[in-house]
Amino acid sequence: MDSHGRRPSTEVLERLDALGALAARATDPEDWGAKSIAEVERFMADLSPSRSHRRTRTTTASSKELHAIARGRGGKFWGWKGWGQWFGKEIKRADVFAQRASTKEELDRVLGLADADLAACLHEDLQPLVAAYEVLKMRAGKLDFLDLLVRARGPGPRQSRGSKRAAGPFHSHLDR
């Protein structure tokens, strides 16, 4: 949650919605800058087929859907420029592109937070599975590759200086 009590994805989707709404105001829809904004509008339309449902859908967009808009067409449309000073009637191209850039920055920030949260949740949720795997390995008397790496490193931070010297040039790699 942000300081306003909203989910970060809600705010970024509101910004994407506002950016996409500018597509209808473009003077030349064939201009590359207008096409760039139209891509965002298409994404928002696909996310919620009707405007009446968009507000509800906005609060439930998944990380996968947000990644789709961030990478859409290889992410290239985020940089399409077009030509001329004006995007639409009384709308400067520079203002639209500044809004597009800040929206993309926010989208990337939200995705980074979502990915970090997912990694932390997976780590926590998978601990019982890892513990069960370790028990099964011990019962079977087996080792996996990670076990071999841990044993190659030695007893850990309490190693004697002699054992560290014996490891020679490999020691610096084993401590990391």
Protein backbone atom coordinates (compact mmCIF):
# COMPACT_ATOMS: atom_id res chain seq x y z
CA MET A 1 0.00 0.00 0.00
CA ASP A 2 1.12 3.53 -0.67
CA SER A 3 0.67 6.53 1.63
CA HIS A 4 -2.87 7.02 0.27
CA GLY A 5 -3.92 3.47 1.19
CA ARG A 6 -4.05 2.30 -2.44
CA ARG A 7 -2.25 -0.61 -4.02
CA PRO A 8 0.67 0.62 -6.19
CA SER A 9 -0.75 -1.21 -9.20
CA THR A 10 -3.98 0.79 -8.86
CA GLU A 11 -2.13 4.08 -9.15
CA VAL A 12 -0.02 2.98 -12.09
CA LEU A 13 -3.10 1.66 -13.89
CA GLU A 14 -4.87 4.97 -13.33
CA ARG A 15 -1.86 6.69 -14.88
CA LEU A 16 -1.85 4.26 -17.81
CA ASP A 17 -5.57 4.87 -18.26
CA ALA A 18 -5.05 8.65 -18.31
CA LEU A 19 -2.17 8.31 -20.77
CA GLY A 20 -4.13 5.99 -23.05
CA ALA A 21 -7.07 8.39 -23.05
CA LEU A 22 -4.85 10.90 -24.86
CA ALA A 23 -4.81 8.66 -27.95
CA ALA A 24 -8.28 9.89 -28.95
CA ARG A 25 -7.03 13.49 -28.85
CA ALA A 26 -4.15 12.96 -31.30
CA THR A 27 -4.35 15.13 -34.42
CA ASP A 28 -2.68 12.49 -36.61
CA PRO A 29 -3.38 8.91 -35.47
CA GLU A 30 -0.76 7.65 -37.96
CA ASP A 31 2.00 9.66 -36.25
CA TRP A 32 4.42 7.38 -34.36
CA GLY A 33 3.96 9.36 -31.16
CA ALA A 34 0.19 8.90 -31.40
CA LYS A 35 0.66 5.20 -32.17
CA SER A 36 2.74 4.91 -29.03
CA ILE A 37 -0.07 6.31 -26.90
CA ALA A 38 -2.61 4.18 -28.79
CA GLU A 39 -0.67 1.06 -27.72
CA VAL A 40 -1.25 2.03 -24.10
CA GLU A 41 -4.93 2.70 -24.84
CA ARG A 42 -5.26 -0.72 -26.51
CA PHE A 43 -3.69 -2.40 -23.51
CA MET A 44 -6.12 -0.67 -21.16
CA ALA A 45 -9.05 -1.59 -23.41
CA ASP A 46 -7.92 -5.25 -23.42
CA LEU A 47 -7.51 -5.16 -19.67
CA SER A 48 -11.12 -4.08 -19.30
CA PRO A 49 -13.39 -4.45 -22.32
CA SER A 50 -15.84 -1.75 -21.22
CA ARG A 51 -15.17 1.55 -19.49
CA SER A 52 -17.89 0.82 -16.94
CA HIS A 53 -15.91 -2.20 -15.71
CA ARG A 54 -12.49 -0.54 -15.92
CA ARG A 55 -12.49 0.85 -12.38
CA THR A 56 -13.13 -2.61 -10.92
CA ARG A 57 -10.61 -4.25 -13.23
CA THR A 58 -8.00 -1.60 -12.46
CA THR A 59 -7.72 -2.74 -8.86
CA THR A 60 -7.07 -6.36 -9.83
CA ALA A 61 -4.46 -6.13 -12.60
CA SER A 62 -1.84 -8.81 -12.19
CA SER A 63 1.89 -8.44 -12.31
CA LYS A 64 1.81 -10.51 -15.50
CA GLU A 65 -0.53 -7.99 -17.13
CA LEU A 66 1.67 -5.09 -16.04
CA HIS A 67 4.74 -6.83 -17.45
CA ALA A 68 2.85 -7.23 -20.73
CA ILE A 69 2.42 -3.47 -21.15
CA ALA A 70 5.99 -2.77 -20.03
CA ARG A 71 7.36 -5.21 -22.66
CA GLY A 72 4.67 -4.79 -25.32
CA ARG A 73 6.18 -4.96 -28.82
CA GLY A 74 9.53 -5.51 -27.19
CA GLY A 75 9.04 -2.32 -25.17
CA LYS A 76 9.85 -0.29 -28.27
CA PHE A 77 6.64 1.73 -28.43
CA TRP A 78 7.60 3.53 -25.21
CA GLY A 79 10.24 5.37 -27.25
CA TRP A 80 8.31 6.16 -30.43
CA LYS A 81 8.45 9.92 -31.04
CA GLY A 82 6.61 11.10 -34.14
CA TRP A 83 7.12 14.63 -35.40
CA GLY A 84 6.02 18.19 -34.81
CA GLN A 85 5.48 20.30 -31.74
CA TRP A 86 1.81 19.43 -31.23
CA PHE A 87 0.36 16.05 -30.35
CA GLY A 88 -3.24 17.23 -30.60
CA LYS A 89 -5.29 20.36 -30.42
CA GLU A 90 -3.77 22.43 -27.61
CA ILE A 91 -1.67 19.44 -26.43
CA LYS A 92 2.10 19.76 -26.76
CA ARG A 93 3.97 16.65 -27.79
CA ALA A 94 6.58 17.32 -25.10
CA ASP A 95 3.88 17.28 -22.40
CA VAL A 96 2.48 13.97 -23.63
CA PHE A 97 5.94 12.41 -23.77
CA ALA A 98 6.80 13.71 -20.31
CA GLN A 99 3.61 12.06 -19.01
CA ARG A 100 4.50 8.88 -20.92
CA ALA A 101 8.03 8.83 -19.45
CA SER A 102 6.84 9.37 -15.87
CA THR A 103 4.16 6.69 -16.31
CA LYS A 104 6.75 4.22 -17.62
CA GLU A 105 9.07 5.02 -14.71
CA GLU A 106 6.24 4.39 -12.25
CA LEU A 107 5.30 1.18 -14.07
CA ASP A 108 8.89 -0.07 -13.87
CA ARG A 109 9.09 0.88 -10.18
CA VAL A 110 5.86 -0.98 -9.38
CA LEU A 111 7.03 -4.03 -11.33
CA GLY A 112 10.34 -4.03 -9.46
CA LEU A 113 8.50 -3.95 -6.13
CA ALA A 114 6.08 -6.67 -7.25
CA ASP A 115 8.93 -8.92 -8.41
CA ALA A 116 10.82 -8.43 -5.14
CA ASP A 117 7.68 -9.17 -3.16
CA LEU A 118 7.04 -12.29 -5.22
CA ALA A 119 10.58 -13.55 -4.58
CA ALA A 120 10.24 -12.98 -0.84
CA CYS A 121 6.84 -14.69 -0.74
CA LEU A 122 8.10 -17.67 -2.73
CA HIS A 123 11.11 -18.01 -0.44
CA GLU A 124 8.88 -18.08 2.62
CA ASP A 125 6.20 -20.30 1.09
CA LEU A 126 8.70 -22.87 -0.20
CA GLN A 127 10.54 -23.36 3.11
CA PRO A 128 8.34 -26.33 4.20
CA LEU A 129 8.96 -27.99 0.84
CA VAL A 130 12.72 -27.43 1.13
CA ALA A 131 12.72 -28.82 4.67
CA ALA A 132 10.82 -31.93 3.52
CA TYR A 133 13.32 -32.38 0.66
CA GLU A 134 16.23 -32.14 3.10
CA VAL A 135 14.65 -34.80 5.33
CA LEU A 136 14.13 -37.13 2.36
CA LYS A 137 17.76 -36.64 1.27
CA MET A 138 19.04 -37.44 4.75
CA ARG A 139 16.89 -40.56 5.00
CA ALA A 140 18.14 -41.74 1.61
CA GLY A 141 21.75 -40.82 2.45
CA LYS A 142 22.04 -38.71 -0.70
CA LEU A 143 23.67 -35.39 -1.54
CA ASP A 144 22.69 -32.81 -4.12
CA PHE A 145 24.90 -30.21 -5.81
CA LEU A 146 24.25 -27.57 -3.15
CA ASP A 147 25.33 -30.03 -0.45
CA LEU A 148 28.60 -30.56 -2.30
CA LEU A 149 29.18 -26.80 -2.55
CA VAL A 150 28.53 -26.30 1.16
CA ARG A 151 30.89 -29.13 2.06
CA ALA A 152 33.57 -27.80 -0.29
CA ARG A 153 33.39 -24.47 1.46
CA GLY A 154 34.07 -26.09 4.79
CA PRO A 155 32.65 -25.51 8.22
CA GLY A 156 31.78 -21.87 7.50
CA PRO A 157 32.91 -18.62 9.11
CA ARG A 158 34.59 -20.44 11.99
CA GLN A 159 37.25 -21.93 9.73
CA SER A 160 40.80 -21.80 10.99
CA ARG A 161 43.31 -19.56 9.26
CA GLY A 162 45.20 -22.65 8.19
CA SER A 163 42.28 -24.08 6.30
CA LYS A 164 41.69 -20.72 4.61
CA ARG A 165 45.34 -20.58 3.58
CA ALA A 166 45.13 -24.13 2.28
CA ALA A 167 42.23 -23.10 0.04
CA GLY A 168 44.61 -20.52 -1.46
CA PRO A 169 43.24 -18.43 -4.32
CA PHE A 170 39.89 -20.26 -4.18
CA HIS A 171 39.11 -19.02 -0.70
CA SER A 172 37.93 -15.58 -1.87
CA HIS A 173 35.39 -17.25 -4.16
CA LEU A 174 34.20 -19.69 -1.52
CA ASP A 175 33.33 -16.94 0.97
CA ARG A 176 30.92 -15.20 -1.37
